[in-house]
Amino acid sequence: MNYKKPLTAAAVLTAAALLMSLRVSNATPEEGTAAIAGNHPNIALTGWKPAAGDLKLHMMAVLALRNPRELAELKTQLLQPRSPNYHK
């Protein structure tokens, strides 16, 4: 099974969602930061300073499953020879 296309599409959609959430935030250019609502713990950032402008950002987004039961059922169906979803 070729997972490359669905994973690429998921990565593109995730990146677009993250960028859109930053764009619609209330941060102003003077503040230099934008918080994603509900995504940051309540901790004080002491000694923080902006990174160099040419520094590359390596980021990974991990999303929680909304329907783990359905995923488990699909996995089972994919491995059962009598299932219509076998080896799809």
C-alpha atoms as a PDB file:
ATOM      1  CA  MET A   1       0.000   0.000   0.000  1.00  0.00           C
ATOM      2  CA  ASN A   2       1.341   3.439  -0.902  1.00  0.00           C
ATOM      3  CA  TYR A   3       1.080   5.790   2.085  1.00  0.00           C
ATOM      4  CA  LYS A   4       3.185   8.577   0.568  1.00  0.00           C
ATOM      5  CA  LYS A   5       0.351  10.585  -1.027  1.00  0.00           C
ATOM      6  CA  PRO A   6      -2.022  10.544   1.993  1.00  0.00           C
ATOM      7  CA  LEU A   7       0.830  11.432   4.355  1.00  0.00           C
ATOM      8  CA  THR A   8       1.951  14.277   2.099  1.00  0.00           C
ATOM      9  CA  ALA A   9      -1.604  15.598   1.915  1.00  0.00           C
ATOM     10  CA  ALA A  10      -1.947  15.340   5.698  1.00  0.00           C
ATOM     11  CA  ALA A  11       1.325  17.214   6.191  1.00  0.00           C
ATOM     12  CA  VAL A  12       0.242  19.985   3.829  1.00  0.00           C
ATOM     13  CA  LEU A  13      -3.153  20.328   5.521  1.00  0.00           C
ATOM     14  CA  THR A  14      -1.555  20.382   8.977  1.00  0.00           C
ATOM     15  CA  ALA A  15       0.924  23.065   7.928  1.00  0.00           C
ATOM     16  CA  ALA A  16      -1.858  25.139   6.360  1.00  0.00           C
ATOM     17  CA  ALA A  17      -3.972  24.881   9.515  1.00  0.00           C
ATOM     18  CA  LEU A  18      -1.050  25.963  11.688  1.00  0.00           C
ATOM     19  CA  LEU A  19      -0.268  28.903   9.431  1.00  0.00           C
ATOM     20  CA  MET A  20      -3.908  29.991   9.349  1.00  0.00           C
ATOM     21  CA  SER A  21      -4.149  29.822  13.147  1.00  0.00           C
ATOM     22  CA  LEU A  22      -1.118  32.070  13.440  1.00  0.00           C
ATOM     23  CA  ARG A  23      -2.519  34.464  10.861  1.00  0.00           C
ATOM     24  CA  VAL A  24      -5.827  34.925  12.673  1.00  0.00           C
ATOM     25  CA  SER A  25      -4.240  35.423  16.083  1.00  0.00           C
ATOM     26  CA  ASN A  26      -4.343  38.761  17.874  1.00  0.00           C
ATOM     27  CA  ALA A  27      -0.558  39.213  17.834  1.00  0.00           C
ATOM     28  CA  THR A  28       0.810  42.448  16.456  1.00  0.00           C
ATOM     29  CA  PRO A  29       4.123  42.722  14.609  1.00  0.00           C
ATOM     30  CA  GLU A  30       5.551  44.672  17.550  1.00  0.00           C
ATOM     31  CA  GLU A  31       4.915  41.747  19.909  1.00  0.00           C
ATOM     32  CA  GLY A  32       6.876  39.365  17.683  1.00  0.00           C
ATOM     33  CA  THR A  33       4.972  36.275  18.837  1.00  0.00           C
ATOM     34  CA  ALA A  34       1.641  34.632  18.166  1.00  0.00           C
ATOM     35  CA  ALA A  35       0.044  32.133  20.556  1.00  0.00           C
ATOM     36  CA  ILE A  36      -2.145  29.337  19.287  1.00  0.00           C
ATOM     37  CA  ALA A  37      -5.194  29.352  21.569  1.00  0.00           C
ATOM     38  CA  GLY A  38      -5.207  26.543  24.117  1.00  0.00           C
ATOM     39  CA  ASN A  39      -1.821  25.201  23.009  1.00  0.00           C
ATOM     40  CA  HIS A  40       0.599  26.745  25.510  1.00  0.00           C
ATOM     41  CA  PRO A  41       1.010  25.891  29.180  1.00  0.00           C
ATOM     42  CA  ASN A  42       0.796  28.685  31.716  1.00  0.00           C
ATOM     43  CA  ILE A  43       4.510  29.171  32.334  1.00  0.00           C
ATOM     44  CA  ALA A  44       6.600  32.306  32.487  1.00  0.00           C
ATOM     45  CA  LEU A  45       9.173  32.641  29.718  1.00  0.00           C
ATOM     46  CA  THR A  46      12.224  34.173  31.320  1.00  0.00           C
ATOM     47  CA  GLY A  47      15.362  34.944  29.393  1.00  0.00           C
ATOM     48  CA  TRP A  48      13.579  34.562  26.057  1.00  0.00           C
ATOM     49  CA  LYS A  49      14.953  36.358  23.009  1.00  0.00           C
ATOM     50  CA  PRO A  50      14.201  36.085  19.291  1.00  0.00           C
ATOM     51  CA  ALA A  51      16.198  33.577  17.254  1.00  0.00           C
ATOM     52  CA  ALA A  52      18.406  34.601  14.354  1.00  0.00           C
ATOM     53  CA  GLY A  53      16.454  35.363  11.185  1.00  0.00           C
ATOM     54  CA  ASP A  54      18.347  32.776   9.121  1.00  0.00           C
ATOM     55  CA  LEU A  55      17.737  29.937  11.591  1.00  0.00           C
ATOM     56  CA  LYS A  56      15.742  27.055  10.083  1.00  0.00           C
ATOM     57  CA  LEU A  57      12.700  25.863  11.994  1.00  0.00           C
ATOM     58  CA  HIS A  58      12.202  22.105  12.193  1.00  0.00           C
ATOM     59  CA  MET A  59       8.700  21.356  13.405  1.00  0.00           C
ATOM     60  CA  MET A  60       6.536  18.302  13.910  1.00  0.00           C
ATOM     61  CA  ALA A  61       2.821  18.399  14.699  1.00  0.00           C
ATOM     62  CA  VAL A  62       1.245  15.483  16.566  1.00  0.00           C
ATOM     63  CA  LEU A  63      -2.526  15.346  16.466  1.00  0.00           C
ATOM     64  CA  ALA A  64      -4.719  13.249  18.726  1.00  0.00           C
ATOM     65  CA  LEU A  65      -7.027  10.699  17.126  1.00  0.00           C
ATOM     66  CA  ARG A  66     -10.693  11.582  17.248  1.00  0.00           C
ATOM     67  CA  ASN A  67     -11.912   8.054  16.598  1.00  0.00           C
ATOM     68  CA  PRO A  68      -9.495   5.395  17.908  1.00  0.00           C
ATOM     69  CA  ARG A  69     -12.186   2.678  17.945  1.00  0.00           C
ATOM     70  CA  GLU A  70     -12.920   3.152  14.247  1.00  0.00           C
ATOM     71  CA  LEU A  71      -9.195   3.046  13.466  1.00  0.00           C
ATOM     72  CA  ALA A  72      -8.790  -0.211  15.378  1.00  0.00           C
ATOM     73  CA  GLU A  73     -11.769  -1.670  13.513  1.00  0.00           C
ATOM     74  CA  LEU A  74     -10.341  -0.595  10.154  1.00  0.00           C
ATOM     75  CA  LYS A  75      -6.969  -2.150  11.006  1.00  0.00           C
ATOM     76  CA  THR A  76      -8.730  -5.406  11.796  1.00  0.00           C
ATOM     77  CA  GLN A  77     -10.711  -5.289   8.534  1.00  0.00           C
ATOM     78  CA  LEU A  78      -7.575  -4.654   6.494  1.00  0.00           C
ATOM     79  CA  LEU A  79      -6.044  -7.878   7.805  1.00  0.00           C
ATOM     80  CA  GLN A  80      -9.103 -10.159   7.534  1.00  0.00           C
ATOM     81  CA  PRO A  81      -9.229 -12.014   4.180  1.00  0.00           C
ATOM     82  CA  ARG A  82     -13.061 -12.120   4.187  1.00  0.00           C
ATOM     83  CA  SER A  83     -13.381  -8.360   4.709  1.00  0.00           C
ATOM     84  CA  PRO A  84     -14.203  -6.086   1.730  1.00  0.00           C
ATOM     85  CA  ASN A  85     -11.428  -3.801   3.006  1.00  0.00           C
ATOM     86  CA  TYR A  86      -8.796  -6.569   2.967  1.00  0.00           C
ATOM     87  CA  HIS A  87      -5.452  -5.195   1.705  1.00  0.00           C
ATOM     88  CA  LYS A  88      -6.892  -1.858   0.621  1.00  0.00           C
END
